[in-house]
């Protein structure tokens, strides 16, 4: 099975709502939930971005259990690192660098070179789903979308919710992994 995944980044220090606490205990709980899902679905590939939180946890777990990893970035590595990885609490930068180096060696980092705007993230989510579907068709295996989140919409700007809507519009089953 191919897994297309998107989800919450860890909460900012000044977050008004708790959606993905970055405590070591919570991160380990979410990591275990992702591992269990990948194993239960017998995932052969994971397609996601590489933001701090859901993406990096999933990419890390996938690497440990030998699942092929594909990373889709809206813009160059360094810009994405600054805007979506190291701007939140935690030691995400070194994990990001290590994972990107590993996945790049396999030829599976896709940089879209989009403008640095909110639309770039939504477009990246669509590419993640589309690439997963394409790989699933090529390998003749099913594709499932996974949302790693708190299960609550942040409103019309919620990119995780939008990822789920787009995946459903492409006839994918959508599963959830809770961040709390």
N, C-alpha and C. Protein backbone atom coordinates (compact mmCIF):
# COMPACT_ATOMS: atom_id res chain seq x y z
N UNK A 1 0.84 -1.18 0.00
CA UNK A 1 0.00 0.00 0.00
C UNK A 1 0.88 1.24 0.00
N UNK A 2 0.40 2.25 -0.72
CA UNK A 2 1.07 3.55 -0.74
C UNK A 2 0.30 4.47 0.21
N UNK A 3 1.03 5.19 1.04
CA UNK A 3 0.42 6.13 1.98
C UNK A 3 0.77 7.55 1.57
N UNK A 4 -0.26 8.37 1.36
CA UNK A 4 -0.09 9.82 1.16
C UNK A 4 -0.43 10.45 2.51
N UNK A 5 0.48 11.24 3.06
CA UNK A 5 0.30 11.71 4.43
C UNK A 5 0.52 13.21 4.53
N UNK A 6 -0.30 13.84 5.36
CA UNK A 6 -0.12 15.25 5.72
C UNK A 6 -0.68 15.42 7.12
N UNK A 7 -0.24 16.46 7.79
CA UNK A 7 -0.75 16.67 9.14
C UNK A 7 -0.23 17.91 9.79
N UNK A 8 -0.50 17.99 11.05
CA UNK A 8 -0.15 19.16 11.85
C UNK A 8 1.36 19.27 12.07
N UNK A 9 1.79 20.51 12.10
CA UNK A 9 3.11 20.79 12.63
C UNK A 9 2.95 20.89 14.15
N UNK A 10 4.04 20.74 14.88
CA UNK A 10 3.94 20.90 16.33
C UNK A 10 3.54 22.34 16.63
N UNK A 11 2.89 22.52 17.76
CA UNK A 11 2.39 23.83 18.15
C UNK A 11 3.52 24.84 18.33
N UNK A 12 3.27 26.06 17.90
CA UNK A 12 4.19 27.17 18.16
C UNK A 12 4.15 27.48 19.65
N UNK A 13 5.21 28.12 20.13
CA UNK A 13 5.26 28.47 21.55
C UNK A 13 4.10 29.35 21.98
N UNK A 14 3.65 30.22 21.08
CA UNK A 14 2.56 31.15 21.40
C UNK A 14 1.21 30.72 20.84
N UNK A 15 1.05 29.43 20.60
CA UNK A 15 -0.19 28.91 20.01
C UNK A 15 -1.38 29.21 20.90
N UNK A 16 -2.47 29.67 20.29
CA UNK A 16 -3.70 29.96 21.03
C UNK A 16 -4.50 28.69 21.30
N UNK A 17 -4.38 27.70 20.42
CA UNK A 17 -5.06 26.42 20.58
C UNK A 17 -4.03 25.30 20.58
N UNK A 18 -4.25 24.31 21.40
CA UNK A 18 -3.36 23.15 21.44
C UNK A 18 -3.85 22.15 20.40
N UNK A 19 -2.97 21.85 19.43
CA UNK A 19 -3.32 20.90 18.37
C UNK A 19 -2.32 19.74 18.28
N UNK A 20 -1.05 20.05 18.57
CA UNK A 20 -0.01 19.03 18.52
C UNK A 20 1.09 19.44 19.50
N UNK A 21 0.92 19.08 20.77
CA UNK A 21 1.93 19.43 21.77
C UNK A 21 3.27 18.75 21.44
N UNK A 22 4.35 19.48 21.67
CA UNK A 22 5.67 18.95 21.32
C UNK A 22 6.40 18.36 22.51
N UNK A 23 5.65 17.91 23.52
CA UNK A 23 6.31 17.26 24.64
C UNK A 23 6.91 15.93 24.17
N UNK A 24 8.01 15.52 24.77
CA UNK A 24 8.62 14.24 24.36
C UNK A 24 7.64 13.06 24.44
N UNK A 25 6.81 13.05 25.47
CA UNK A 25 5.85 11.95 25.63
C UNK A 25 4.83 11.94 24.50
N UNK A 26 4.32 13.11 24.14
CA UNK A 26 3.32 13.17 23.07
C UNK A 26 3.94 12.82 21.73
N UNK A 27 5.13 13.33 21.46
CA UNK A 27 5.80 13.00 20.19
C UNK A 27 6.01 11.50 20.08
N UNK A 28 6.39 10.85 21.17
CA UNK A 28 6.60 9.40 21.14
C UNK A 28 5.27 8.67 20.91
N UNK A 29 4.21 9.14 21.52
CA UNK A 29 2.88 8.54 21.32
C UNK A 29 2.46 8.63 19.85
N UNK A 30 2.62 9.80 19.26
CA UNK A 30 2.24 9.99 17.85
C UNK A 30 3.13 9.15 16.95
N UNK A 31 4.43 9.10 17.27
CA UNK A 31 5.36 8.27 16.49
C UNK A 31 4.90 6.81 16.51
N UNK A 32 4.51 6.31 17.67
CA UNK A 32 4.06 4.92 17.78
C UNK A 32 2.77 4.69 16.99
N UNK A 33 1.87 5.66 17.02
CA UNK A 33 0.61 5.53 16.26
C UNK A 33 0.89 5.46 14.76
N UNK A 34 1.82 6.28 14.30
CA UNK A 34 2.18 6.26 12.87
C UNK A 34 2.83 4.93 12.52
N UNK A 35 3.73 4.45 13.36
CA UNK A 35 4.39 3.16 13.14
C UNK A 35 3.35 2.05 13.04
N UNK A 36 2.42 2.02 13.97
CA UNK A 36 1.39 0.98 13.97
C UNK A 36 0.56 1.03 12.70
N UNK A 37 0.22 2.23 12.24
CA UNK A 37 -0.56 2.36 11.02
C UNK A 37 0.23 1.87 9.80
N UNK A 38 1.48 2.30 9.68
CA UNK A 38 2.30 1.87 8.54
C UNK A 38 2.46 0.35 8.53
N UNK A 39 2.65 -0.24 9.69
CA UNK A 39 2.79 -1.69 9.76
C UNK A 39 1.47 -2.40 9.47
N UNK A 40 0.38 -1.90 10.04
CA UNK A 40 -0.92 -2.54 9.83
C UNK A 40 -1.33 -2.49 8.36
N UNK A 41 -1.00 -1.40 7.68
CA UNK A 41 -1.35 -1.25 6.27
C UNK A 41 -0.31 -1.86 5.35
N UNK A 42 0.76 -2.37 5.92
CA UNK A 42 1.86 -2.96 5.13
C UNK A 42 2.32 -1.97 4.06
N UNK A 43 2.57 -0.76 4.51
CA UNK A 43 2.98 0.31 3.59
C UNK A 43 4.27 -0.06 2.87
N UNK A 44 4.28 0.20 1.58
CA UNK A 44 5.50 0.00 0.79
C UNK A 44 6.14 1.34 0.44
N UNK A 45 5.36 2.43 0.51
CA UNK A 45 5.90 3.76 0.24
C UNK A 45 5.08 4.79 1.01
N UNK A 46 5.76 5.86 1.39
CA UNK A 46 5.14 7.00 2.07
C UNK A 46 5.47 8.24 1.27
N UNK A 47 4.44 9.00 0.91
CA UNK A 47 4.62 10.26 0.20
C UNK A 47 4.11 11.37 1.12
N UNK A 48 4.99 12.32 1.45
CA UNK A 48 4.59 13.44 2.30
C UNK A 48 5.57 14.59 2.07
N UNK A 49 5.35 15.67 2.79
CA UNK A 49 6.33 16.74 2.81
C UNK A 49 7.28 16.46 3.96
N UNK A 50 7.91 17.50 4.53
CA UNK A 50 8.91 17.27 5.58
C UNK A 50 8.89 18.36 6.63
N UNK A 51 7.69 18.84 6.97
CA UNK A 51 7.58 19.87 8.00
C UNK A 51 7.75 19.25 9.39
N UNK A 52 8.07 20.09 10.37
CA UNK A 52 8.21 19.61 11.73
C UNK A 52 6.87 19.07 12.21
N UNK A 53 6.90 17.98 12.93
CA UNK A 53 5.68 17.36 13.41
C UNK A 53 5.34 16.12 12.63
N UNK A 54 4.11 16.06 12.12
CA UNK A 54 3.58 14.85 11.47
C UNK A 54 4.48 14.34 10.35
N UNK A 55 4.89 15.24 9.45
CA UNK A 55 5.68 14.81 8.28
C UNK A 55 6.99 14.16 8.69
N UNK A 56 7.76 14.87 9.52
CA UNK A 56 9.08 14.34 9.88
C UNK A 56 8.98 13.10 10.75
N UNK A 57 7.99 13.03 11.63
CA UNK A 57 7.81 11.81 12.41
C UNK A 57 7.52 10.63 11.49
N UNK A 58 6.61 10.82 10.54
CA UNK A 58 6.25 9.73 9.62
C UNK A 58 7.43 9.32 8.75
N UNK A 59 8.15 10.29 8.21
CA UNK A 59 9.30 9.97 7.36
C UNK A 59 10.37 9.23 8.16
N UNK A 60 10.57 9.63 9.39
CA UNK A 60 11.55 8.98 10.25
C UNK A 60 11.17 7.53 10.53
N UNK A 61 9.92 7.31 10.92
CA UNK A 61 9.42 5.96 11.19
C UNK A 61 9.50 5.09 9.94
N UNK A 62 9.11 5.64 8.82
CA UNK A 62 9.15 4.87 7.56
C UNK A 62 10.57 4.40 7.26
N UNK A 63 11.53 5.27 7.49
CA UNK A 63 12.93 4.88 7.25
C UNK A 63 13.38 3.75 8.14
N UNK A 64 12.96 3.77 9.40
CA UNK A 64 13.34 2.74 10.35
C UNK A 64 12.81 1.37 9.94
N UNK A 65 11.60 1.33 9.38
CA UNK A 65 11.01 0.03 9.03
C UNK A 65 11.17 -0.32 7.54
N UNK A 66 11.97 0.45 6.83
CA UNK A 66 12.30 0.10 5.45
C UNK A 66 11.26 0.44 4.41
N UNK A 67 10.39 1.38 4.71
CA UNK A 67 9.39 1.83 3.74
C UNK A 67 10.03 2.89 2.84
N UNK A 68 9.80 2.80 1.55
CA UNK A 68 10.30 3.82 0.62
C UNK A 68 9.71 5.17 1.00
N UNK A 69 10.55 6.20 1.00
CA UNK A 69 10.12 7.54 1.39
C UNK A 69 10.25 8.49 0.20
N UNK A 70 9.19 9.23 -0.04
CA UNK A 70 9.17 10.26 -1.08
C UNK A 70 8.79 11.56 -0.38
N UNK A 71 9.59 12.58 -0.59
CA UNK A 71 9.36 13.88 0.05
C UNK A 71 9.09 14.91 -1.04
N UNK A 72 8.01 15.66 -0.87
CA UNK A 72 7.63 16.72 -1.80
C UNK A 72 7.74 18.06 -1.07
N UNK A 73 8.55 18.96 -1.60
CA UNK A 73 8.72 20.29 -1.01
C UNK A 73 8.22 21.35 -1.98
N UNK A 74 7.56 22.39 -1.46
CA UNK A 74 7.06 23.44 -2.34
C UNK A 74 8.16 24.33 -2.90
N UNK A 75 9.27 24.44 -2.15
CA UNK A 75 10.39 25.26 -2.61
C UNK A 75 11.69 24.67 -2.09
N UNK A 76 12.80 25.31 -2.37
CA UNK A 76 14.12 24.78 -2.06
C UNK A 76 14.26 24.37 -0.60
N UNK A 77 15.14 23.42 -0.38
CA UNK A 77 15.37 22.84 0.95
C UNK A 77 15.54 23.87 2.05
N UNK A 78 16.43 24.82 1.84
CA UNK A 78 16.77 25.78 2.89
C UNK A 78 15.59 26.69 3.23
N UNK A 79 14.88 27.15 2.21
CA UNK A 79 13.72 27.99 2.45
C UNK A 79 12.64 27.22 3.21
N UNK A 80 12.39 25.99 2.81
CA UNK A 80 11.40 25.18 3.50
C UNK A 80 11.83 24.92 4.94
N UNK A 81 13.11 24.67 5.15
CA UNK A 81 13.65 24.44 6.50
C UNK A 81 13.35 25.63 7.40
N UNK A 82 13.56 26.83 6.88
CA UNK A 82 13.35 28.04 7.67
C UNK A 82 11.87 28.30 7.95
N UNK A 83 11.01 28.03 6.99
CA UNK A 83 9.60 28.39 7.13
C UNK A 83 8.72 27.30 7.70
N UNK A 84 9.17 26.05 7.69
CA UNK A 84 8.29 24.95 8.09
C UNK A 84 8.92 23.92 9.01
N UNK A 85 10.17 24.13 9.37
CA UNK A 85 10.86 23.12 10.20
C UNK A 85 11.42 23.74 11.48
N UNK A 86 12.30 24.71 11.35
CA UNK A 86 13.01 25.25 12.52
C UNK A 86 12.30 26.44 13.16
N UNK A 87 11.14 26.80 12.68
CA UNK A 87 10.39 27.92 13.25
C UNK A 87 9.49 27.49 14.41
N UNK A 88 9.57 26.24 14.80
CA UNK A 88 8.77 25.71 15.91
C UNK A 88 9.71 25.09 16.95
N UNK A 89 9.22 24.90 18.18
CA UNK A 89 10.09 24.34 19.22
C UNK A 89 10.50 22.90 18.91
N UNK A 90 11.69 22.56 19.34
CA UNK A 90 12.21 21.20 19.16
C UNK A 90 13.42 21.17 18.28
N UNK A 91 14.04 20.02 18.25
CA UNK A 91 15.26 19.80 17.48
C UNK A 91 14.94 19.21 16.11
N UNK A 92 14.13 19.89 15.35
CA UNK A 92 13.67 19.36 14.07
C UNK A 92 14.68 19.55 12.94
N UNK A 93 15.53 20.56 13.04
CA UNK A 93 16.45 20.88 11.95
C UNK A 93 17.39 19.76 11.59
N UNK A 94 17.99 19.12 12.58
CA UNK A 94 18.95 18.05 12.28
C UNK A 94 18.24 16.82 11.72
N UNK A 95 17.03 16.52 12.23
CA UNK A 95 16.26 15.40 11.68
C UNK A 95 15.91 15.68 10.22
N UNK A 96 15.46 16.88 9.95
CA UNK A 96 15.13 17.30 8.58
C UNK A 96 16.34 17.11 7.66
N UNK A 97 17.49 17.63 8.08
CA UNK A 97 18.70 17.54 7.25
C UNK A 97 19.07 16.09 6.98
N UNK A 98 19.03 15.26 8.01
CA UNK A 98 19.39 13.84 7.86
C UNK A 98 18.43 13.13 6.91
N UNK A 99 17.12 13.33 7.13
CA UNK A 99 16.13 12.66 6.28
C UNK A 99 16.21 13.12 4.83
N UNK A 100 16.37 14.44 4.64
CA UNK A 100 16.46 14.94 3.27
C UNK A 100 17.68 14.37 2.56
N UNK A 101 18.80 14.29 3.27
CA UNK A 101 20.01 13.71 2.68
C UNK A 101 19.77 12.25 2.28
N UNK A 102 19.14 11.48 3.17
CA UNK A 102 18.88 10.07 2.88
C UNK A 102 17.93 9.90 1.69
N UNK A 103 16.85 10.63 1.70
CA UNK A 103 15.84 10.48 0.64
C UNK A 103 16.36 11.04 -0.68
N UNK A 104 17.15 12.09 -0.61
CA UNK A 104 17.74 12.66 -1.82
C UNK A 104 18.68 11.66 -2.51
N UNK A 105 19.42 10.90 -1.72
CA UNK A 105 20.32 9.87 -2.28
C UNK A 105 19.54 8.85 -3.09
N UNK A 106 18.32 8.57 -2.68
CA UNK A 106 17.46 7.62 -3.39
C UNK A 106 16.75 8.26 -4.58
N UNK A 107 16.94 9.57 -4.74
CA UNK A 107 16.29 10.27 -5.85
C UNK A 107 14.83 10.56 -5.63
N UNK A 108 14.41 10.57 -4.36
CA UNK A 108 12.99 10.71 -4.07
C UNK A 108 12.62 12.00 -3.34
N UNK A 109 13.40 13.08 -3.54
CA UNK A 109 13.01 14.40 -3.07
C UNK A 109 12.56 15.18 -4.29
N UNK A 110 11.34 15.68 -4.24
CA UNK A 110 10.75 16.42 -5.36
C UNK A 110 10.53 17.86 -4.92
N UNK A 111 11.25 18.77 -5.52
CA UNK A 111 11.14 20.19 -5.20
C UNK A 111 10.33 20.85 -6.31
N UNK A 112 9.22 21.47 -5.92
CA UNK A 112 8.27 22.01 -6.90
C UNK A 112 8.62 23.43 -7.37
N UNK A 113 9.48 24.12 -6.62
CA UNK A 113 9.87 25.50 -6.96
C UNK A 113 8.67 26.43 -7.12
N UNK A 114 7.76 26.35 -6.17
CA UNK A 114 6.59 27.23 -6.15
C UNK A 114 6.94 28.53 -5.42
N UNK A 115 6.06 29.51 -5.55
CA UNK A 115 6.26 30.75 -4.81
C UNK A 115 6.03 30.49 -3.32
N UNK A 116 6.68 31.26 -2.49
CA UNK A 116 6.53 31.12 -1.04
C UNK A 116 5.23 31.78 -0.59
N UNK A 117 4.13 31.11 -0.82
CA UNK A 117 2.82 31.64 -0.45
C UNK A 117 1.97 30.50 0.07
N UNK A 118 0.90 30.85 0.73
CA UNK A 118 0.01 29.83 1.30
C UNK A 118 -0.49 28.86 0.23
N UNK A 119 -0.75 29.34 -0.96
CA UNK A 119 -1.19 28.45 -2.04
C UNK A 119 -0.16 27.38 -2.36
N UNK A 120 1.10 27.67 -2.11
CA UNK A 120 2.15 26.70 -2.39
C UNK A 120 1.97 25.43 -1.54
N UNK A 121 1.53 25.60 -0.30
CA UNK A 121 1.35 24.44 0.56
C UNK A 121 0.15 23.60 0.11
N UNK A 122 -0.95 24.24 -0.28
CA UNK A 122 -2.11 23.50 -0.78
C UNK A 122 -1.74 22.76 -2.06
N UNK A 123 -1.01 23.44 -2.94
CA UNK A 123 -0.60 22.78 -4.18
C UNK A 123 0.32 21.59 -3.89
N UNK A 124 1.20 21.75 -2.92
CA UNK A 124 2.08 20.65 -2.53
C UNK A 124 1.26 19.47 -2.02
N UNK A 125 0.24 19.73 -1.23
CA UNK A 125 -0.64 18.66 -0.76
C UNK A 125 -1.27 17.90 -1.92
N UNK A 126 -1.69 18.62 -2.94
CA UNK A 126 -2.29 17.98 -4.11
C UNK A 126 -1.26 17.11 -4.84
N UNK A 127 -0.05 17.61 -4.95
CA UNK A 127 1.01 16.83 -5.61
C UNK A 127 1.31 15.57 -4.81
N UNK A 128 1.31 15.67 -3.49
CA UNK A 128 1.53 14.48 -2.65
C UNK A 128 0.49 13.41 -2.97
N UNK A 129 -0.76 13.79 -2.99
CA UNK A 129 -1.84 12.84 -3.30
C UNK A 129 -1.67 12.30 -4.72
N UNK A 130 -1.44 13.18 -5.67
CA UNK A 130 -1.31 12.76 -7.06
C UNK A 130 -0.12 11.82 -7.27
N UNK A 131 1.00 12.12 -6.62
CA UNK A 131 2.18 11.23 -6.76
C UNK A 131 1.91 9.87 -6.13
N UNK A 132 1.23 9.86 -5.00
CA UNK A 132 0.90 8.58 -4.37
C UNK A 132 -0.02 7.76 -5.27
N UNK A 133 -1.00 8.41 -5.86
CA UNK A 133 -1.91 7.71 -6.78
C UNK A 133 -1.15 7.17 -7.98
N UNK A 134 -0.29 7.98 -8.54
CA UNK A 134 0.50 7.56 -9.70
C UNK A 134 1.38 6.36 -9.36
N UNK A 135 2.03 6.41 -8.21
CA UNK A 135 2.89 5.29 -7.79
C UNK A 135 2.04 4.04 -7.54
N UNK A 136 0.88 4.23 -6.91
CA UNK A 136 0.00 3.10 -6.68
C UNK A 136 -0.46 2.44 -7.97
N UNK A 137 -0.76 3.26 -8.98
CA UNK A 137 -1.16 2.71 -10.28
C UNK A 137 0.00 1.97 -10.93
N UNK A 138 1.17 2.55 -10.84
CA UNK A 138 2.36 1.93 -11.44
C UNK A 138 2.67 0.58 -10.80
N UNK A 139 2.56 0.53 -9.48
CA UNK A 139 2.88 -0.70 -8.74
C UNK A 139 1.68 -1.61 -8.56
N UNK A 140 0.51 -1.12 -8.99
CA UNK A 140 -0.75 -1.87 -8.86
C UNK A 140 -1.05 -2.25 -7.42
N UNK A 141 -0.92 -1.23 -6.56
CA UNK A 141 -1.25 -1.41 -5.14
C UNK A 141 -2.18 -0.27 -4.72
N UNK A 142 -2.98 -0.49 -3.69
CA UNK A 142 -3.90 0.56 -3.24
C UNK A 142 -3.18 1.74 -2.60
N UNK A 143 -3.88 2.85 -2.53
CA UNK A 143 -3.37 4.08 -1.94
C UNK A 143 -4.36 4.55 -0.88
N UNK A 144 -3.84 4.98 0.24
CA UNK A 144 -4.66 5.53 1.31
C UNK A 144 -4.05 6.85 1.75
N UNK A 145 -4.90 7.81 2.07
CA UNK A 145 -4.44 9.09 2.62
C UNK A 145 -4.55 9.03 4.14
N UNK A 146 -3.59 9.66 4.80
CA UNK A 146 -3.57 9.70 6.26
C UNK A 146 -3.43 11.14 6.72
N UNK A 147 -4.33 11.53 7.62
CA UNK A 147 -4.26 12.84 8.26
C UNK A 147 -3.73 12.63 9.67
N UNK A 148 -2.65 13.30 10.01
CA UNK A 148 -2.11 13.26 11.37
C UNK A 148 -2.47 14.59 11.99
N UNK A 149 -3.51 14.57 12.82
CA UNK A 149 -4.01 15.84 13.35
C UNK A 149 -4.86 15.62 14.58
N UNK A 150 -5.41 16.72 15.09
CA UNK A 150 -6.25 16.70 16.28
C UNK A 150 -7.72 16.43 15.96
N UNK A 151 -8.06 16.32 14.69
CA UNK A 151 -9.42 16.01 14.27
C UNK A 151 -10.35 17.20 14.22
N UNK A 152 -9.81 18.40 14.43
CA UNK A 152 -10.64 19.60 14.45
C UNK A 152 -10.16 20.60 13.42
N UNK A 153 -11.08 21.09 12.63
CA UNK A 153 -10.74 22.08 11.62
C UNK A 153 -10.34 23.41 12.25
N UNK A 154 -9.36 24.06 11.64
CA UNK A 154 -8.99 25.42 12.02
C UNK A 154 -9.75 26.43 11.17
N UNK A 155 -10.67 25.98 10.36
CA UNK A 155 -11.42 26.86 9.49
C UNK A 155 -11.00 26.69 8.04
N UNK A 156 -11.42 27.64 7.21
CA UNK A 156 -11.21 27.47 5.77
C UNK A 156 -9.74 27.48 5.36
N UNK A 157 -8.85 27.93 6.22
CA UNK A 157 -7.42 27.95 5.91
C UNK A 157 -6.70 26.69 6.38
N UNK A 158 -7.41 25.70 6.87
CA UNK A 158 -6.80 24.50 7.43
C UNK A 158 -6.29 23.59 6.31
N UNK A 159 -4.99 23.55 6.15
CA UNK A 159 -4.38 22.78 5.06
C UNK A 159 -4.47 21.27 5.28
N UNK A 160 -4.48 20.83 6.53
CA UNK A 160 -4.63 19.40 6.79
C UNK A 160 -6.03 18.94 6.39
N UNK A 161 -7.03 19.71 6.78
CA UNK A 161 -8.40 19.38 6.39
C UNK A 161 -8.54 19.40 4.86
N UNK A 162 -7.93 20.39 4.22
CA UNK A 162 -7.99 20.51 2.76
C UNK A 162 -7.33 19.30 2.10
N UNK A 163 -6.23 18.81 2.67
CA UNK A 163 -5.57 17.60 2.16
C UNK A 163 -6.56 16.43 2.17
N UNK A 164 -7.29 16.29 3.26
CA UNK A 164 -8.28 15.22 3.35
C UNK A 164 -9.39 15.36 2.32
N UNK A 165 -9.88 16.60 2.13
CA UNK A 165 -10.92 16.84 1.12
C UNK A 165 -10.41 16.47 -0.27
N UNK A 166 -9.18 16.91 -0.58
CA UNK A 166 -8.64 16.62 -1.90
C UNK A 166 -8.46 15.10 -2.09
N UNK A 167 -7.95 14.43 -1.08
CA UNK A 167 -7.76 12.98 -1.17
C UNK A 167 -9.10 12.28 -1.42
N UNK A 168 -10.12 12.70 -0.71
CA UNK A 168 -11.45 12.11 -0.91
C UNK A 168 -11.97 12.40 -2.33
N UNK A 169 -11.68 13.61 -2.83
CA UNK A 169 -12.14 13.94 -4.19
C UNK A 169 -11.45 13.08 -5.24
N UNK A 170 -10.30 12.51 -4.86
CA UNK A 170 -9.58 11.62 -5.76
C UNK A 170 -9.90 10.14 -5.46
N UNK A 171 -10.97 9.94 -4.71
CA UNK A 171 -11.50 8.60 -4.40
C UNK A 171 -10.60 7.79 -3.46
N UNK A 172 -9.79 8.46 -2.64
CA UNK A 172 -8.95 7.75 -1.68
C UNK A 172 -9.68 7.59 -0.35
N UNK A 173 -9.44 6.47 0.28
CA UNK A 173 -9.86 6.31 1.67
C UNK A 173 -8.98 7.22 2.52
N UNK A 174 -9.53 7.78 3.57
CA UNK A 174 -8.78 8.68 4.44
C UNK A 174 -8.82 8.15 5.86
N UNK A 175 -7.65 7.99 6.45
CA UNK A 175 -7.53 7.55 7.83
C UNK A 175 -6.96 8.69 8.66
N UNK A 176 -7.13 8.60 9.97
CA UNK A 176 -6.62 9.63 10.86
C UNK A 176 -5.72 9.02 11.93
N UNK A 177 -4.68 9.79 12.26
CA UNK A 177 -3.83 9.51 13.41
C UNK A 177 -3.92 10.75 14.28
N UNK A 178 -4.34 10.57 15.53
CA UNK A 178 -4.54 11.72 16.42
C UNK A 178 -3.22 12.21 17.03
N UNK A 179 -3.14 13.52 17.15
CA UNK A 179 -1.94 14.15 17.71
C UNK A 179 -2.08 14.45 19.20
N UNK A 180 -3.22 14.10 19.76
CA UNK A 180 -3.42 14.36 21.20
C UNK A 180 -4.11 13.17 21.83
